[in-house]
Amino acid sequence: MANRFMFRAMDTVGVGDAESDHAFLVECFHDTGGLGLLRDCADHRRIVLGRTGAGKTALLWELTNRSSTAIDIRPESLALAYISNSTILKFLDEIGVNLDTFFKLLWRHVFTVEVIKARFHMDSADAREGLHDWLRNTFSKKKKQHEKALAYLENWGSKFWEQTDYRIEELTTKFENDVGAEISAVIPLARIGISGGRALSQEEKASVHDRVK
């Protein structure tokens, strides 16, 4: 009888999800070995997989809490709805254009900017000077790399402190504009929205493929 727990009507034992359990998560977190693996960048085991309630979110939260260099990027901040609703991207996918390179560069750009933001504490337009100084010192003897880094900064650095979804929309919009200009040389853009790729001839599809590449 002495080991029995007694709960009153208003007692709580936490909430259903780790994100909201600020009262108990810090004190009650128990590491079963996964935290050490995730903190070891040399370890190839980097995906946290488990059923609902297994503690995935708690583990990632603890990783972020204990590591000053950890960066938290949430799926809801990735503007996936904007990408999925893009008329031009839908059209290109429908006619069989391989968009792997675009998405690879898109995510590389997003994660690169997040790392730069965290490393140089870029939360305003004025914070770019620290990055400029670092680039000058790091690539002082590597002219080509220095020029490429500065060009990247000039193209995208003015909005580094914006939210993740802004940068995804920014780059996707630029891609749409550039590709749209190429497509319009083959077919009117109005045809994309009306019939997609269904009404295109094989010659038109081949020409669009070449221009997009």
N, C-alpha and C. Protein backbone atom coordinates (compact mmCIF):
# COMPACT_ATOMS: atom_id res chain seq x y z
N MET A 1 0.82 -1.21 0.00
CA MET A 1 0.00 0.00 0.00
C MET A 1 0.85 1.26 0.00
N ALA A 2 2.05 1.20 0.63
CA ALA A 2 2.89 2.39 0.72
C ALA A 2 3.39 2.83 -0.63
N ASN A 3 3.48 1.92 -1.63
CA ASN A 3 4.01 2.25 -2.95
C ASN A 3 2.94 2.71 -3.93
N ARG A 4 1.71 2.75 -3.51
CA ARG A 4 0.64 3.17 -4.41
C ARG A 4 0.65 4.68 -4.58
N PHE A 5 0.38 5.12 -5.84
CA PHE A 5 0.32 6.55 -6.13
C PHE A 5 -1.12 7.02 -5.95
N MET A 6 -1.28 8.17 -5.36
CA MET A 6 -2.60 8.75 -5.16
C MET A 6 -2.68 10.05 -5.96
N PHE A 7 -3.64 10.13 -6.87
CA PHE A 7 -3.81 11.32 -7.68
C PHE A 7 -5.10 12.03 -7.29
N ARG A 8 -4.98 13.33 -7.13
CA ARG A 8 -6.18 14.14 -6.89
C ARG A 8 -6.81 14.53 -8.22
N ALA A 9 -8.00 15.06 -8.15
CA ALA A 9 -8.77 15.35 -9.36
C ALA A 9 -8.05 16.30 -10.31
N MET A 10 -7.30 17.27 -9.78
CA MET A 10 -6.66 18.28 -10.62
C MET A 10 -5.19 18.00 -10.90
N ASP A 11 -4.67 16.85 -10.47
CA ASP A 11 -3.27 16.51 -10.74
C ASP A 11 -3.06 16.22 -12.22
N THR A 12 -1.84 16.49 -12.69
CA THR A 12 -1.48 16.17 -14.07
C THR A 12 -0.17 15.41 -14.10
N VAL A 13 0.03 14.64 -15.14
CA VAL A 13 1.29 13.91 -15.31
C VAL A 13 1.88 14.23 -16.68
N GLY A 14 1.76 15.49 -17.07
CA GLY A 14 2.28 15.90 -18.36
C GLY A 14 1.19 15.96 -19.41
N VAL A 15 1.61 16.29 -20.65
CA VAL A 15 0.68 16.40 -21.76
C VAL A 15 1.00 15.35 -22.81
N GLY A 16 0.16 15.29 -23.83
CA GLY A 16 0.28 14.21 -24.81
C GLY A 16 1.43 14.34 -25.78
N ASP A 17 2.01 15.52 -25.92
CA ASP A 17 3.11 15.68 -26.88
C ASP A 17 4.25 16.44 -26.23
N ALA A 18 5.46 16.08 -26.63
CA ALA A 18 6.66 16.64 -26.00
C ALA A 18 6.79 18.13 -26.23
N GLU A 19 6.33 18.63 -27.39
CA GLU A 19 6.48 20.06 -27.69
C GLU A 19 5.82 20.93 -26.63
N SER A 20 4.70 20.45 -26.06
CA SER A 20 3.94 21.25 -25.11
C SER A 20 4.26 20.93 -23.66
N ASP A 21 5.11 19.95 -23.42
CA ASP A 21 5.35 19.50 -22.05
C ASP A 21 6.54 20.23 -21.43
N HIS A 22 6.40 21.54 -21.29
CA HIS A 22 7.49 22.33 -20.74
C HIS A 22 7.69 22.07 -19.25
N ALA A 23 6.66 21.63 -18.56
CA ALA A 23 6.75 21.45 -17.11
C ALA A 23 7.57 20.23 -16.73
N PHE A 24 7.49 19.14 -17.50
CA PHE A 24 8.12 17.89 -17.09
C PHE A 24 9.28 17.43 -17.96
N LEU A 25 9.36 17.92 -19.21
CA LEU A 25 10.32 17.36 -20.16
C LEU A 25 11.76 17.52 -19.69
N VAL A 26 12.09 18.68 -19.17
CA VAL A 26 13.48 18.93 -18.75
C VAL A 26 13.89 17.99 -17.63
N GLU A 27 13.02 17.83 -16.62
CA GLU A 27 13.37 17.02 -15.46
C GLU A 27 13.23 15.53 -15.71
N CYS A 28 12.33 15.15 -16.60
CA CYS A 28 12.01 13.73 -16.76
C CYS A 28 12.66 13.08 -17.97
N PHE A 29 13.37 13.86 -18.80
CA PHE A 29 13.98 13.27 -19.99
C PHE A 29 15.00 12.22 -19.60
N HIS A 30 14.92 11.06 -20.23
CA HIS A 30 15.86 9.97 -19.96
C HIS A 30 16.50 9.54 -21.28
N ASP A 31 17.82 9.69 -21.36
CA ASP A 31 18.54 9.34 -22.58
C ASP A 31 18.83 7.85 -22.60
N THR A 32 18.36 7.19 -23.65
CA THR A 32 18.61 5.75 -23.80
C THR A 32 19.78 5.47 -24.74
N GLY A 33 20.53 6.51 -25.08
CA GLY A 33 21.69 6.35 -25.95
C GLY A 33 21.59 7.10 -27.25
N GLY A 34 20.38 7.49 -27.62
CA GLY A 34 20.19 8.17 -28.90
C GLY A 34 20.79 9.56 -28.94
N LEU A 35 20.79 10.26 -27.82
CA LEU A 35 21.29 11.63 -27.79
C LEU A 35 22.77 11.68 -28.13
N GLY A 36 23.54 10.77 -27.57
CA GLY A 36 24.96 10.73 -27.86
C GLY A 36 25.25 10.46 -29.33
N LEU A 37 24.44 9.59 -29.94
CA LEU A 37 24.63 9.28 -31.36
C LEU A 37 24.36 10.50 -32.22
N LEU A 38 23.30 11.22 -31.90
CA LEU A 38 22.94 12.40 -32.69
C LEU A 38 23.97 13.52 -32.54
N ARG A 39 24.58 13.61 -31.37
CA ARG A 39 25.57 14.67 -31.14
C ARG A 39 26.91 14.34 -31.78
N ASP A 40 27.10 13.10 -32.16
CA ASP A 40 28.35 12.68 -32.80
C ASP A 40 28.21 12.84 -34.31
N CYS A 41 28.77 13.91 -34.85
CA CYS A 41 28.63 14.20 -36.28
C CYS A 41 29.34 13.17 -37.16
N ALA A 42 30.24 12.40 -36.57
CA ALA A 42 30.95 11.37 -37.34
C ALA A 42 30.14 10.09 -37.45
N ASP A 43 29.07 9.97 -36.67
CA ASP A 43 28.24 8.77 -36.71
C ASP A 43 27.23 8.90 -37.84
N HIS A 44 27.09 7.85 -38.65
CA HIS A 44 26.21 7.92 -39.81
C HIS A 44 24.74 7.75 -39.46
N ARG A 45 24.43 7.38 -38.24
CA ARG A 45 23.03 7.18 -37.84
C ARG A 45 22.41 8.53 -37.47
N ARG A 46 21.63 9.10 -38.40
CA ARG A 46 21.16 10.47 -38.23
C ARG A 46 19.64 10.62 -38.33
N ILE A 47 18.93 9.54 -38.57
CA ILE A 47 17.47 9.62 -38.71
C ILE A 47 16.82 9.06 -37.47
N VAL A 48 15.91 9.84 -36.87
CA VAL A 48 15.18 9.41 -35.68
C VAL A 48 13.85 8.82 -36.13
N LEU A 49 13.67 7.53 -35.91
CA LEU A 49 12.48 6.83 -36.39
C LEU A 49 11.84 6.08 -35.23
N GLY A 50 10.52 6.17 -35.11
CA GLY A 50 9.83 5.47 -34.03
C GLY A 50 8.34 5.72 -34.10
N ARG A 51 7.59 4.90 -33.41
CA ARG A 51 6.12 5.04 -33.39
C ARG A 51 5.74 6.29 -32.61
N THR A 52 4.47 6.65 -32.70
CA THR A 52 3.95 7.79 -31.94
C THR A 52 4.13 7.56 -30.45
N GLY A 53 4.70 8.54 -29.78
CA GLY A 53 4.90 8.44 -28.34
C GLY A 53 6.21 7.81 -27.94
N ALA A 54 7.05 7.45 -28.91
CA ALA A 54 8.32 6.80 -28.59
C ALA A 54 9.36 7.77 -28.03
N GLY A 55 9.13 9.07 -28.23
CA GLY A 55 10.05 10.06 -27.69
C GLY A 55 10.92 10.74 -28.73
N LYS A 56 10.51 10.71 -30.00
CA LYS A 56 11.31 11.32 -31.06
C LYS A 56 11.46 12.83 -30.84
N THR A 57 10.33 13.50 -30.62
CA THR A 57 10.36 14.95 -30.45
C THR A 57 11.14 15.34 -29.20
N ALA A 58 10.96 14.58 -28.13
CA ALA A 58 11.69 14.87 -26.88
C ALA A 58 13.19 14.75 -27.11
N LEU A 59 13.60 13.76 -27.89
CA LEU A 59 15.01 13.55 -28.17
C LEU A 59 15.59 14.72 -28.97
N LEU A 60 14.86 15.15 -30.00
CA LEU A 60 15.33 16.27 -30.82
C LEU A 60 15.31 17.57 -30.03
N TRP A 61 14.31 17.73 -29.17
CA TRP A 61 14.24 18.93 -28.34
C TRP A 61 15.44 18.98 -27.40
N GLU A 62 15.79 17.85 -26.81
CA GLU A 62 16.91 17.79 -25.90
C GLU A 62 18.22 18.04 -26.64
N LEU A 63 18.33 17.54 -27.87
CA LEU A 63 19.51 17.80 -28.68
C LEU A 63 19.68 19.29 -28.92
N THR A 64 18.61 19.96 -29.30
CA THR A 64 18.66 21.41 -29.52
C THR A 64 18.96 22.16 -28.24
N ASN A 65 18.42 21.67 -27.12
CA ASN A 65 18.60 22.33 -25.84
C ASN A 65 20.04 22.24 -25.34
N ARG A 66 20.70 21.12 -25.63
CA ARG A 66 22.06 20.90 -25.12
C ARG A 66 23.15 21.36 -26.07
N SER A 67 22.82 21.56 -27.34
CA SER A 67 23.84 21.91 -28.33
C SER A 67 23.65 23.34 -28.81
N SER A 68 24.61 24.18 -28.56
CA SER A 68 24.50 25.59 -28.94
C SER A 68 24.54 25.77 -30.46
N THR A 69 25.05 24.78 -31.18
CA THR A 69 25.16 24.90 -32.64
C THR A 69 24.03 24.19 -33.38
N ALA A 70 23.08 23.60 -32.66
CA ALA A 70 21.96 22.90 -33.31
C ALA A 70 20.98 23.92 -33.88
N ILE A 71 20.45 23.63 -35.06
CA ILE A 71 19.50 24.52 -35.74
C ILE A 71 18.20 23.77 -35.94
N ASP A 72 17.11 24.38 -35.55
CA ASP A 72 15.79 23.76 -35.62
C ASP A 72 15.02 24.33 -36.81
N ILE A 73 14.76 23.49 -37.82
CA ILE A 73 13.98 23.90 -38.99
C ILE A 73 12.73 23.02 -39.03
N ARG A 74 11.58 23.63 -38.86
CA ARG A 74 10.34 22.87 -38.78
C ARG A 74 9.70 22.72 -40.17
N PRO A 75 9.09 21.55 -40.44
CA PRO A 75 8.48 21.33 -41.77
C PRO A 75 7.46 22.39 -42.15
N GLU A 76 6.71 22.90 -41.15
CA GLU A 76 5.67 23.88 -41.48
C GLU A 76 6.27 25.21 -41.95
N SER A 77 7.60 25.38 -41.79
CA SER A 77 8.23 26.62 -42.23
C SER A 77 8.83 26.50 -43.63
N LEU A 78 8.62 25.39 -44.30
CA LEU A 78 9.28 25.14 -45.58
C LEU A 78 8.45 25.52 -46.79
N ALA A 79 7.31 26.16 -46.60
CA ALA A 79 6.50 26.66 -47.72
C ALA A 79 6.18 25.57 -48.73
N LEU A 80 5.91 24.37 -48.25
CA LEU A 80 5.64 23.25 -49.17
C LEU A 80 4.36 23.49 -49.97
N ALA A 81 3.38 24.16 -49.36
CA ALA A 81 2.13 24.45 -50.07
C ALA A 81 2.40 25.37 -51.25
N TYR A 82 3.29 26.32 -51.07
CA TYR A 82 3.62 27.25 -52.16
C TYR A 82 4.23 26.50 -53.33
N ILE A 83 5.13 25.57 -53.02
CA ILE A 83 5.78 24.79 -54.09
C ILE A 83 4.77 23.89 -54.79
N SER A 84 3.93 23.21 -54.02
CA SER A 84 2.98 22.27 -54.61
C SER A 84 1.92 22.97 -55.44
N ASN A 85 1.68 24.26 -55.19
CA ASN A 85 0.67 25.00 -55.93
C ASN A 85 1.24 25.76 -57.12
N SER A 86 2.53 25.61 -57.36
CA SER A 86 3.17 26.32 -58.47
C SER A 86 2.69 25.75 -59.80
N THR A 87 2.10 26.60 -60.62
CA THR A 87 1.60 26.17 -61.93
C THR A 87 2.73 25.68 -62.82
N ILE A 88 3.84 26.38 -62.81
CA ILE A 88 4.96 26.02 -63.68
C ILE A 88 5.60 24.72 -63.23
N LEU A 89 5.78 24.54 -61.93
CA LEU A 89 6.38 23.29 -61.45
C LEU A 89 5.47 22.10 -61.77
N LYS A 90 4.15 22.29 -61.61
CA LYS A 90 3.20 21.22 -61.95
C LYS A 90 3.30 20.88 -63.44
N PHE A 91 3.38 21.92 -64.25
CA PHE A 91 3.46 21.72 -65.70
C PHE A 91 4.73 20.95 -66.07
N LEU A 92 5.86 21.35 -65.52
CA LEU A 92 7.12 20.67 -65.83
C LEU A 92 7.09 19.22 -65.40
N ASP A 93 6.52 18.97 -64.23
CA ASP A 93 6.43 17.59 -63.75
C ASP A 93 5.51 16.76 -64.65
N GLU A 94 4.44 17.39 -65.13
CA GLU A 94 3.46 16.68 -65.97
C GLU A 94 4.05 16.25 -67.30
N ILE A 95 4.97 17.05 -67.85
CA ILE A 95 5.54 16.69 -69.15
C ILE A 95 6.86 15.92 -68.98
N GLY A 96 7.17 15.55 -67.73
CA GLY A 96 8.30 14.66 -67.50
C GLY A 96 9.65 15.31 -67.33
N VAL A 97 9.69 16.63 -67.04
CA VAL A 97 10.96 17.29 -66.80
C VAL A 97 11.49 16.86 -65.43
N ASN A 98 12.75 16.44 -65.38
CA ASN A 98 13.36 16.02 -64.12
C ASN A 98 13.72 17.25 -63.30
N LEU A 99 13.05 17.42 -62.15
CA LEU A 99 13.25 18.59 -61.30
C LEU A 99 14.18 18.30 -60.13
N ASP A 100 14.86 17.15 -60.15
CA ASP A 100 15.72 16.79 -59.02
C ASP A 100 16.79 17.85 -58.76
N THR A 101 17.38 18.38 -59.82
CA THR A 101 18.44 19.37 -59.63
C THR A 101 17.90 20.63 -58.97
N PHE A 102 16.72 21.06 -59.40
CA PHE A 102 16.11 22.26 -58.79
C PHE A 102 15.88 22.05 -57.30
N PHE A 103 15.26 20.93 -56.92
CA PHE A 103 14.95 20.70 -55.51
C PHE A 103 16.23 20.49 -54.70
N LYS A 104 17.22 19.84 -55.29
CA LYS A 104 18.49 19.64 -54.58
C LYS A 104 19.13 20.98 -54.26
N LEU A 105 19.16 21.89 -55.25
CA LEU A 105 19.75 23.21 -55.03
C LEU A 105 18.88 24.06 -54.10
N LEU A 106 17.57 23.89 -54.19
CA LEU A 106 16.66 24.64 -53.31
C LEU A 106 16.93 24.31 -51.85
N TRP A 107 16.96 23.01 -51.51
CA TRP A 107 17.18 22.63 -50.12
C TRP A 107 18.60 22.95 -49.69
N ARG A 108 19.57 22.83 -50.59
CA ARG A 108 20.95 23.19 -50.25
C ARG A 108 21.02 24.68 -49.91
N HIS A 109 20.34 25.49 -50.70
CA HIS A 109 20.30 26.94 -50.45
C HIS A 109 19.66 27.24 -49.10
N VAL A 110 18.52 26.60 -48.83
CA VAL A 110 17.80 26.83 -47.57
C VAL A 110 18.67 26.49 -46.37
N PHE A 111 19.28 25.31 -46.39
CA PHE A 111 20.07 24.88 -45.23
C PHE A 111 21.38 25.67 -45.13
N THR A 112 21.96 26.06 -46.26
CA THR A 112 23.16 26.89 -46.22
C THR A 112 22.88 28.22 -45.55
N VAL A 113 21.76 28.84 -45.92
CA VAL A 113 21.40 30.13 -45.32
C VAL A 113 21.14 29.98 -43.82
N GLU A 114 20.49 28.89 -43.42
CA GLU A 114 20.22 28.69 -41.99
C GLU A 114 21.53 28.57 -41.21
N VAL A 115 22.51 27.88 -41.78
CA VAL A 115 23.81 27.74 -41.11
C VAL A 115 24.51 29.10 -41.04
N ILE A 116 24.47 29.86 -42.14
CA ILE A 116 25.10 31.18 -42.16
C ILE A 116 24.43 32.10 -41.13
N LYS A 117 23.11 32.07 -41.09
CA LYS A 117 22.38 32.90 -40.12
C LYS A 117 22.80 32.59 -38.70
N ALA A 118 22.88 31.30 -38.38
CA ALA A 118 23.23 30.89 -37.02
C ALA A 118 24.68 31.21 -36.69
N ARG A 119 25.57 30.97 -37.65
CA ARG A 119 27.01 31.16 -37.41
C ARG A 119 27.36 32.63 -37.22
N PHE A 120 26.73 33.52 -38.01
CA PHE A 120 27.08 34.93 -37.97
C PHE A 120 26.00 35.79 -37.32
N HIS A 121 25.03 35.14 -36.68
CA HIS A 121 23.98 35.85 -35.93
C HIS A 121 23.34 36.94 -36.79
N MET A 122 22.93 36.55 -37.99
CA MET A 122 22.37 37.51 -38.93
C MET A 122 20.87 37.68 -38.69
N ASP A 123 20.53 38.72 -37.95
CA ASP A 123 19.13 38.99 -37.65
C ASP A 123 18.68 40.35 -38.18
N SER A 124 19.55 41.00 -38.96
CA SER A 124 19.19 42.29 -39.55
C SER A 124 20.13 42.55 -40.73
N ALA A 125 19.82 43.59 -41.50
CA ALA A 125 20.64 43.93 -42.66
C ALA A 125 22.05 44.34 -42.25
N ASP A 126 22.19 44.92 -41.07
CA ASP A 126 23.50 45.40 -40.62
C ASP A 126 24.46 44.26 -40.28
N ALA A 127 23.93 43.06 -40.07
CA ALA A 127 24.76 41.95 -39.61
C ALA A 127 25.62 41.35 -40.72
N ARG A 128 25.46 41.83 -41.95
CA ARG A 128 26.22 41.25 -43.06
C ARG A 128 27.70 41.59 -43.02
N GLU A 129 28.06 42.65 -42.31
CA GLU A 129 29.46 43.06 -42.30
C GLU A 129 30.36 41.97 -41.72
N GLY A 130 29.89 41.29 -40.67
CA GLY A 130 30.69 40.22 -40.08
C GLY A 130 30.95 39.11 -41.07
N LEU A 131 29.96 38.79 -41.88
CA LEU A 131 30.13 37.76 -42.90
C LEU A 131 31.08 38.22 -44.00
N HIS A 132 30.98 39.49 -44.39
CA HIS A 132 31.90 40.04 -45.39
C HIS A 132 33.35 39.93 -44.91
N ASP A 133 33.58 40.28 -43.66
CA ASP A 133 34.93 40.22 -43.10
C ASP A 133 35.45 38.78 -43.09
N TRP A 134 34.58 37.85 -42.72
CA TRP A 134 34.98 36.44 -42.66
C TRP A 134 35.33 35.92 -44.05
N LEU A 135 34.55 36.31 -45.05
CA LEU A 135 34.82 35.88 -46.42
C LEU A 135 36.16 36.44 -46.91
N ARG A 136 36.41 37.71 -46.60
CA ARG A 136 37.66 38.32 -47.05
C ARG A 136 38.86 37.61 -46.41
N ASN A 137 38.76 37.28 -45.13
CA ASN A 137 39.87 36.62 -44.44
C ASN A 137 40.05 35.18 -44.88
N THR A 138 38.93 34.47 -45.07
CA THR A 138 38.98 33.04 -45.41
C THR A 138 39.47 32.81 -46.83
N PHE A 139 39.03 33.66 -47.77
CA PHE A 139 39.36 33.45 -49.17
C PHE A 139 40.31 34.51 -49.71
N SER A 140 41.14 35.05 -48.83
CA SER A 140 42.04 36.13 -49.26
C SER A 140 43.00 35.69 -50.36
N LYS A 141 43.36 34.40 -50.37
CA LYS A 141 44.29 33.89 -51.37
C LYS A 141 43.60 33.02 -52.41
N LYS A 142 42.27 33.00 -52.38
CA LYS A 142 41.50 32.18 -53.33
C LYS A 142 40.50 33.09 -54.04
N LYS A 143 40.97 33.76 -55.06
CA LYS A 143 40.18 34.80 -55.70
C LYS A 143 38.86 34.29 -56.26
N LYS A 144 38.90 33.15 -56.97
CA LYS A 144 37.68 32.64 -57.61
C LYS A 144 36.63 32.27 -56.57
N GLN A 145 37.07 31.57 -55.49
CA GLN A 145 36.12 31.19 -54.45
C GLN A 145 35.57 32.43 -53.75
N HIS A 146 36.41 33.42 -53.57
CA HIS A 146 35.98 34.66 -52.93
C HIS A 146 34.93 35.36 -53.77
N GLU A 147 35.15 35.41 -55.08
CA GLU A 147 34.20 36.07 -55.98
C GLU A 147 32.87 35.33 -55.99
N LYS A 148 32.93 33.99 -56.00
CA LYS A 148 31.70 33.20 -56.00
C LYS A 148 30.92 33.42 -54.70
N ALA A 149 31.65 33.43 -53.57
CA ALA A 149 30.99 33.62 -52.28
C ALA A 149 30.35 35.00 -52.19
N LEU A 150 31.04 36.02 -52.68
CA LEU A 150 30.49 37.37 -52.65
C LEU A 150 29.29 37.50 -53.58
N ALA A 151 29.36 36.84 -54.74
CA ALA A 151 28.23 36.87 -55.68
C ALA A 151 26.99 36.22 -55.05
N TYR A 152 27.21 35.11 -54.36
CA TYR A 152 26.10 34.44 -53.67
C TYR A 152 25.51 35.35 -52.61
N LEU A 153 26.38 36.01 -51.86
CA LEU A 153 25.92 36.91 -50.81
C LEU A 153 25.16 38.09 -51.38
N GLU A 154 25.64 38.63 -52.50
CA GLU A 154 24.97 39.76 -53.11
C GLU A 154 23.59 39.36 -53.65
N ASN A 155 23.50 38.15 -54.22
CA ASN A 155 22.24 37.70 -54.79
C ASN A 155 21.18 37.41 -53.74
N TRP A 156 21.62 36.82 -52.61
CA TRP A 156 20.65 36.31 -51.64
C TRP A 156 20.81 36.89 -50.23
N GLY A 157 21.92 37.54 -49.95
CA GLY A 157 22.22 37.94 -48.58
C GLY A 157 21.37 39.06 -48.03
N SER A 158 20.70 39.82 -48.87
CA SER A 158 19.92 40.95 -48.37
C SER A 158 18.70 40.51 -47.57
N LYS A 159 18.33 39.23 -47.68
CA LYS A 159 17.15 38.73 -46.97
C LYS A 159 17.48 37.53 -46.09
N PHE A 160 18.75 37.37 -45.72
CA PHE A 160 19.16 36.21 -44.93
C PHE A 160 18.39 36.09 -43.62
N TRP A 161 18.01 37.19 -43.03
CA TRP A 161 17.36 37.13 -41.71
C TRP A 161 15.86 36.86 -41.81
N GLU A 162 15.33 36.78 -43.03
CA GLU A 162 13.91 36.46 -43.19
C GLU A 162 13.64 35.01 -42.79
N GLN A 163 12.36 34.68 -42.62
CA GLN A 163 11.97 33.32 -42.26
C GLN A 163 12.24 32.36 -43.41
N THR A 164 12.32 31.07 -43.07
CA THR A 164 12.67 30.04 -44.06
C THR A 164 11.70 30.03 -45.23
N ASP A 165 10.41 30.14 -44.96
CA ASP A 165 9.43 30.07 -46.03
C ASP A 165 9.59 31.22 -47.03
N TYR A 166 10.05 32.38 -46.54
CA TYR A 166 10.27 33.51 -47.44
C TYR A 166 11.35 33.17 -48.47
N ARG A 167 12.44 32.56 -48.01
CA ARG A 167 13.55 32.25 -48.92
C ARG A 167 13.15 31.18 -49.92
N ILE A 168 12.34 30.22 -49.50
CA ILE A 168 11.88 29.18 -50.44
C ILE A 168 11.01 29.81 -51.52
N GLU A 169 10.10 30.68 -51.11
CA GLU A 169 9.25 31.36 -52.10
C GLU A 169 10.10 32.26 -53.01
N GLU A 170 11.10 32.91 -52.43
CA GLU A 170 11.96 33.80 -53.20
C GLU A 170 12.69 33.04 -54.30
N LEU A 171 13.32 31.93 -53.96
CA LEU A 171 14.09 31.18 -54.94
C LEU A 171 13.18 30.48 -55.94
N THR A 172 12.04 29.95 -55.46
CA THR A 172 11.10 29.29 -56.36
C THR A 172 10.52 30.28 -57.36
N THR A 173 10.21 31.48 -56.89
CA THR A 173 9.68 32.51 -57.79
C THR A 173 10.70 32.89 -58.85
N LYS A 174 11.97 33.00 -58.47
CA LYS A 174 13.01 33.31 -59.44
C LYS A 174 13.11 32.20 -60.48
N PHE A 175 13.04 30.94 -60.00
CA PHE A 175 13.07 29.80 -60.92
C PHE A 175 11.88 29.85 -61.88
N GLU A 176 10.69 30.14 -61.33
CA GLU A 176 9.49 30.22 -62.17
C GLU A 176 9.63 31.30 -63.23
N ASN A 177 10.15 32.46 -62.83
CA ASN A 177 10.30 33.56 -63.79
C ASN A 177 11.30 33.21 -64.88
N ASP A 178 12.44 32.63 -64.49
CA ASP A 178 13.46 32.27 -65.48
C ASP A 178 12.95 31.20 -66.44
N VAL A 179 12.33 30.15 -65.86
CA VAL A 179 11.82 29.06 -66.69
C VAL A 179 10.64 29.53 -67.53
N GLY A 180 9.79 30.37 -66.92
CA GLY A 180 8.64 30.89 -67.66
C GLY A 180 9.06 31.66 -68.90
N ALA A 181 10.15 32.41 -68.80
CA ALA A 181 10.66 33.15 -69.95
C ALA A 181 11.12 32.20 -71.05
N GLU A 182 11.72 31.07 -70.67
CA GLU A 182 12.16 30.09 -71.65
C GLU A 182 10.97 29.38 -72.30
N ILE A 183 9.98 29.02 -71.47
CA ILE A 183 8.81 28.32 -71.99
C ILE A 183 8.03 29.19 -72.96
N SER A 184 7.93 30.49 -72.63
CA SER A 184 7.12 31.40 -73.47
C SER A 184 7.70 31.54 -74.87
N ALA A 185 8.95 31.16 -75.05
CA ALA A 185 9.53 31.17 -76.40
C ALA A 185 9.03 30.01 -77.24
N VAL A 186 8.42 29.01 -76.58
CA VAL A 186 7.90 27.83 -77.28
C VAL A 186 6.38 27.88 -77.37
N ILE A 187 5.74 28.15 -76.23
CA ILE A 187 4.27 28.20 -76.19
C ILE A 187 3.84 29.36 -75.31
N PRO A 188 2.64 29.91 -75.51
CA PRO A 188 2.14 30.96 -74.62
C PRO A 188 1.95 30.41 -73.21
N LEU A 189 2.33 31.18 -72.19
CA LEU A 189 2.20 30.71 -70.82
C LEU A 189 0.75 30.45 -70.43
N ALA A 190 -0.18 31.10 -71.11
CA ALA A 190 -1.59 30.88 -70.80
C ALA A 190 -1.99 29.43 -71.03
N ARG A 191 -1.36 28.77 -71.98
CA ARG A 191 -1.68 27.37 -72.26
C ARG A 191 -1.28 26.45 -71.11
N ILE A 192 -0.30 26.86 -70.31
CA ILE A 192 0.13 26.05 -69.18
C ILE A 192 -0.99 25.93 -68.15
N GLY A 193 -1.63 27.07 -67.86
CA GLY A 193 -2.68 27.06 -66.85
C GLY A 193 -3.95 26.40 -67.32
N ILE A 194 -4.21 26.47 -68.60
CA ILE A 194 -5.48 25.94 -69.12
C ILE A 194 -5.44 24.43 -69.30
N SER A 195 -4.43 23.94 -69.98
CA SER A 195 -4.41 22.51 -70.32
C SER A 195 -3.19 21.77 -69.81
N GLY A 196 -2.29 22.51 -69.14
CA GLY A 196 -1.07 21.86 -68.68
C GLY A 196 -0.29 21.33 -69.87
N GLY A 197 0.24 20.13 -69.74
CA GLY A 197 1.02 19.57 -70.83
C GLY A 197 0.23 18.65 -71.72
N ARG A 198 -1.07 18.52 -71.46
CA ARG A 198 -1.87 17.53 -72.20
C ARG A 198 -2.01 17.88 -73.67
N ALA A 199 -2.07 19.19 -73.98
CA ALA A 199 -2.32 19.59 -75.36
C ALA A 199 -1.05 19.84 -76.16
N LEU A 200 0.10 19.61 -75.55
CA LEU A 200 1.35 19.86 -76.24
C LEU A 200 1.70 18.70 -77.17
N SER A 201 2.30 19.05 -78.30
CA SER A 201 2.79 18.02 -79.19
C SER A 201 4.12 17.49 -78.66
N GLN A 202 4.57 16.38 -79.18
CA GLN A 202 5.85 15.83 -78.75
C GLN A 202 7.00 16.79 -79.07
N GLU A 203 6.89 17.49 -80.21
CA GLU A 203 7.92 18.45 -80.57
C GLU A 203 7.97 19.61 -79.57
N GLU A 204 6.79 20.09 -79.16
CA GLU A 204 6.75 21.18 -78.19
C GLU A 204 7.30 20.74 -76.84
N LYS A 205 6.95 19.54 -76.41
CA LYS A 205 7.47 19.03 -75.15
C LYS A 205 8.99 18.91 -75.18
N ALA A 206 9.51 18.40 -76.30
CA ALA A 206 10.95 18.24 -76.44
C ALA A 206 11.64 19.60 -76.40
N SER A 207 11.04 20.60 -77.03
CA SER A 207 11.62 21.93 -77.05
C SER A 207 11.60 22.55 -75.65
N VAL A 208 10.51 22.35 -74.90
CA VAL A 208 10.45 22.86 -73.53
C VAL A 208 11.52 22.17 -72.68
N HIS A 209 11.66 20.86 -72.83
CA HIS A 209 12.67 20.10 -72.08
C HIS A 209 14.06 20.73 -72.30
N ASP A 210 14.40 20.99 -73.56
CA ASP A 210 15.72 21.52 -73.88
C ASP A 210 15.94 22.89 -73.26
N ARG A 211 14.93 23.75 -73.34
CA ARG A 211 15.07 25.10 -72.81
C ARG A 211 15.15 25.11 -71.30
N VAL A 212 14.38 24.26 -70.64
CA VAL A 212 14.42 24.20 -69.17
C VAL A 212 15.77 23.71 -68.69
N LYS A 213 16.33 22.73 -69.38
CA LYS A 213 17.66 22.22 -68.98
C LYS A 213 18.72 23.31 -69.06
